[in-house]
Each structure stands twice: as structure tokens, then as C-alpha cells.
Amino acid sequence: MLKGTGLDAYLTEYFSAEEVARGKPAPDVFLEAARRLGVPPAGCVVVEDAPPGAEAARAAGVRCIAVPYVRATAGDPVFGAADLLFPCGQGEFSVQAACAWLFA
């Protein structure tokens, strides 16, 4: 997803749910990422492509940009709670739009 959206050029740190005890929709991976970065969860932003990840972001208190991998999931209520939603997925996503929202 990162390469498809162009975000791979901007991100230097990656964390996996395999590095924590509980996977998504538990918030563990996002809480651990914030801890490793030395940033409070509220100071983080997650780019998520699936409802369990968006749910985990919300539970962690992390802002969420939702870019559904499967367009049919865009109407999932969990994505509706995302801070920014690109309902048509990667085809609609742009780094510029995400940054405009993030830095507004």
C-alpha cells in the first residue's frame, strides 16, 4: 500500500502487528509504534486499508487516514469514524490531499 500511494518515499519507520502480542483490531501495534517513536498516540497518524486497522487506530487514540483496499468496505462504519477517508481507495488517494488535511 505504501508504494502504491507514494507514501514509501516519506516514511522511514515501519512496525508490524507481528511484533506485538495482539494483532488488529487491538491497538497494540499502534501503541508500540508511538512508544518506539517517542510520540504520544494523539501525535501519530495511521494510514489504514482495512476496517480492523482503522478500528485499532481509533482504539489507540491515533488519527486515521483510511484508504480502503477493497472498495466495497468503504461503507464500513469503522471507516466512517476515520479522520480522513478516501472511499475509492488508492485510485483516489493523493499524498498532497493527505498532507493538506494533516497540516491544515
C-alpha atoms as a PDB file:
ATOM      1  CA  MET A   1       0.000   0.000   0.000  1.00  0.00           C
ATOM      2  CA  LEU A   2       2.795   2.416   0.826  1.00  0.00           C
ATOM      3  CA  LYS A   3       4.389   2.068  -2.588  1.00  0.00           C
ATOM      4  CA  GLY A   4       1.013   2.297  -4.359  1.00  0.00           C
ATOM      5  CA  THR A   5       0.163   5.554  -2.609  1.00  0.00           C
ATOM      6  CA  GLY A   6       3.641   7.059  -2.852  1.00  0.00           C
ATOM      7  CA  LEU A   7       3.979   7.269   0.916  1.00  0.00           C
ATOM      8  CA  ASP A   8       7.005   4.971   0.945  1.00  0.00           C
ATOM      9  CA  ALA A   9       9.158   7.961  -0.016  1.00  0.00           C
ATOM     10  CA  TYR A  10       8.119   9.797   3.155  1.00  0.00           C
ATOM     11  CA  LEU A  11       8.200   7.090   5.823  1.00  0.00           C
ATOM     12  CA  THR A  12      11.367   5.819   7.423  1.00  0.00           C
ATOM     13  CA  GLU A  13       9.990   3.655  10.234  1.00  0.00           C
ATOM     14  CA  TYR A  14       7.805   0.563   9.855  1.00  0.00           C
ATOM     15  CA  PHE A  15       6.190  -1.593  12.519  1.00  0.00           C
ATOM     16  CA  SER A  16       4.272  -4.822  12.188  1.00  0.00           C
ATOM     17  CA  ALA A  17       1.466  -6.416  14.173  1.00  0.00           C
ATOM     18  CA  GLU A  18       3.742  -9.467  14.299  1.00  0.00           C
ATOM     19  CA  GLU A  19       5.905  -7.519  16.767  1.00  0.00           C
ATOM     20  CA  VAL A  20       3.197  -7.303  19.459  1.00  0.00           C
ATOM     21  CA  ALA A  21       1.106  -9.760  21.467  1.00  0.00           C
ATOM     22  CA  ARG A  22      -2.275  -8.900  19.949  1.00  0.00           C
ATOM     23  CA  GLY A  23      -2.965  -8.025  16.326  1.00  0.00           C
ATOM     24  CA  LYS A  24      -5.569  -5.684  14.931  1.00  0.00           C
ATOM     25  CA  PRO A  25      -8.249  -4.696  15.852  1.00  0.00           C
ATOM     26  CA  ALA A  26      -6.393  -4.488  19.186  1.00  0.00           C
ATOM     27  CA  PRO A  27      -4.472  -1.191  19.377  1.00  0.00           C
ATOM     28  CA  ASP A  28      -1.169  -2.823  20.378  1.00  0.00           C
ATOM     29  CA  VAL A  29       0.781  -2.238  17.154  1.00  0.00           C
ATOM     30  CA  PHE A  30      -0.046   1.470  17.060  1.00  0.00           C
ATOM     31  CA  LEU A  31       0.667   1.974  20.744  1.00  0.00           C
ATOM     32  CA  GLU A  32       4.026   0.218  20.324  1.00  0.00           C
ATOM     33  CA  ALA A  33       4.875   2.298  17.260  1.00  0.00           C
ATOM     34  CA  ALA A  34       4.122   5.514  19.159  1.00  0.00           C
ATOM     35  CA  ARG A  35       6.235   4.298  22.082  1.00  0.00           C
ATOM     36  CA  ARG A  36       9.191   3.479  19.824  1.00  0.00           C
ATOM     37  CA  LEU A  37       8.925   6.844  18.129  1.00  0.00           C
ATOM     38  CA  GLY A  38       8.677   8.639  21.473  1.00  0.00           C
ATOM     39  CA  VAL A  39       5.440  10.327  20.426  1.00  0.00           C
ATOM     40  CA  PRO A  40       2.074  10.230  22.185  1.00  0.00           C
ATOM     41  CA  PRO A  41      -0.548   8.299  20.180  1.00  0.00           C
ATOM     42  CA  ALA A  42      -2.511  11.514  19.593  1.00  0.00           C
ATOM     43  CA  GLY A  43       0.554  12.864  17.761  1.00  0.00           C
ATOM     44  CA  CYS A  44       0.566   9.961  15.299  1.00  0.00           C
ATOM     45  CA  VAL A  45      -1.271   9.307  12.041  1.00  0.00           C
ATOM     46  CA  VAL A  46      -2.076   5.873  10.654  1.00  0.00           C
ATOM     47  CA  VAL A  47      -2.795   5.101   7.002  1.00  0.00           C
ATOM     48  CA  GLU A  48      -5.103   2.104   7.033  1.00  0.00           C
ATOM     49  CA  ASP A  49      -6.531  -0.031   4.262  1.00  0.00           C
ATOM     50  CA  ALA A  50      -8.825  -2.368   6.243  1.00  0.00           C
ATOM     51  CA  PRO A  51     -11.552  -1.934   8.863  1.00  0.00           C
ATOM     52  CA  PRO A  52      -9.706  -3.850  11.642  1.00  0.00           C
ATOM     53  CA  GLY A  53      -6.764  -1.474  11.287  1.00  0.00           C
ATOM     54  CA  ALA A  54      -8.987   1.603  11.374  1.00  0.00           C
ATOM     55  CA  GLU A  55     -10.651   0.174  14.477  1.00  0.00           C
ATOM     56  CA  ALA A  56      -7.233  -0.383  16.076  1.00  0.00           C
ATOM     57  CA  ALA A  57      -6.196   3.188  15.284  1.00  0.00           C
ATOM     58  CA  ARG A  58      -9.334   4.557  16.924  1.00  0.00           C
ATOM     59  CA  ALA A  59      -8.778   2.359  20.000  1.00  0.00           C
ATOM     60  CA  ALA A  60      -5.181   3.597  20.257  1.00  0.00           C
ATOM     61  CA  GLY A  61      -6.189   7.257  20.018  1.00  0.00           C
ATOM     62  CA  VAL A  62      -4.284   7.663  16.749  1.00  0.00           C
ATOM     63  CA  ARG A  63      -5.589   9.759  13.857  1.00  0.00           C
ATOM     64  CA  CYS A  64      -6.562   7.602  10.891  1.00  0.00           C
ATOM     65  CA  ILE A  65      -6.421   8.146   7.141  1.00  0.00           C
ATOM     66  CA  ALA A  66      -8.499   5.365   5.616  1.00  0.00           C
ATOM     67  CA  VAL A  67      -7.656   4.164   2.110  1.00  0.00           C
ATOM     68  CA  PRO A  68      -9.819   1.047   1.655  1.00  0.00           C
ATOM     69  CA  TYR A  69      -8.023  -1.750  -0.150  1.00  0.00           C
ATOM     70  CA  VAL A  70     -11.387  -3.212  -1.122  1.00  0.00           C
ATOM     71  CA  ARG A  71     -13.778  -0.523  -2.312  1.00  0.00           C
ATOM     72  CA  ALA A  72     -16.785  -2.486  -1.016  1.00  0.00           C
ATOM     73  CA  THR A  73     -15.512  -1.990   2.556  1.00  0.00           C
ATOM     74  CA  ALA A  74     -15.500   1.823   2.267  1.00  0.00           C
ATOM     75  CA  GLY A  75     -19.011   1.953   3.756  1.00  0.00           C
ATOM     76  CA  ASP A  76     -17.972   0.024   6.866  1.00  0.00           C
ATOM     77  CA  PRO A  77     -18.943   2.096   9.937  1.00  0.00           C
ATOM     78  CA  VAL A  78     -15.382   1.795  11.234  1.00  0.00           C
ATOM     79  CA  PHE A  79     -14.101   3.638   8.163  1.00  0.00           C
ATOM     80  CA  GLY A  80     -16.850   6.203   8.749  1.00  0.00           C
ATOM     81  CA  ALA A  81     -15.119   7.064  12.015  1.00  0.00           C
ATOM     82  CA  ALA A  82     -11.769   7.654  10.269  1.00  0.00           C
ATOM     83  CA  ASP A  83     -10.433  11.195  10.399  1.00  0.00           C
ATOM     84  CA  LEU A  84      -9.962  11.245   6.623  1.00  0.00           C
ATOM     85  CA  LEU A  85     -11.494   8.735   4.214  1.00  0.00           C
ATOM     86  CA  PHE A  86     -10.644   8.108   0.571  1.00  0.00           C
ATOM     87  CA  PRO A  87     -13.652   5.861  -0.201  1.00  0.00           C
ATOM     88  CA  CYS A  88     -12.427   4.927  -3.676  1.00  0.00           C
ATOM     89  CA  GLY A  89      -9.132   3.650  -2.286  1.00  0.00           C
ATOM     90  CA  GLN A  90      -5.695   4.095  -3.792  1.00  0.00           C
ATOM     91  CA  GLY A  91      -7.101   5.462  -7.047  1.00  0.00           C
ATOM     92  CA  GLU A  92      -8.476   8.451  -5.164  1.00  0.00           C
ATOM     93  CA  PHE A  93      -5.676   8.865  -2.621  1.00  0.00           C
ATOM     94  CA  SER A  94      -3.027  11.517  -3.076  1.00  0.00           C
ATOM     95  CA  VAL A  95      -0.139  12.415  -0.814  1.00  0.00           C
ATOM     96  CA  GLN A  96      -0.940  16.074  -1.439  1.00  0.00           C
ATOM     97  CA  ALA A  97      -4.536  15.705  -0.208  1.00  0.00           C
ATOM     98  CA  ALA A  98      -3.424  13.758   2.860  1.00  0.00           C
ATOM     99  CA  CYS A  99      -0.772  16.349   3.688  1.00  0.00           C
ATOM    100  CA  ALA A 100      -3.207  19.232   3.123  1.00  0.00           C
ATOM    101  CA  TRP A 101      -5.549  17.639   5.670  1.00  0.00           C
ATOM    102  CA  LEU A 102      -2.755  16.762   8.066  1.00  0.00           C
ATOM    103  CA  PHE A 103      -1.149  20.187   8.090  1.00  0.00           C
ATOM    104  CA  ALA A 104      -4.322  22.290   7.854  1.00  0.00           C
END
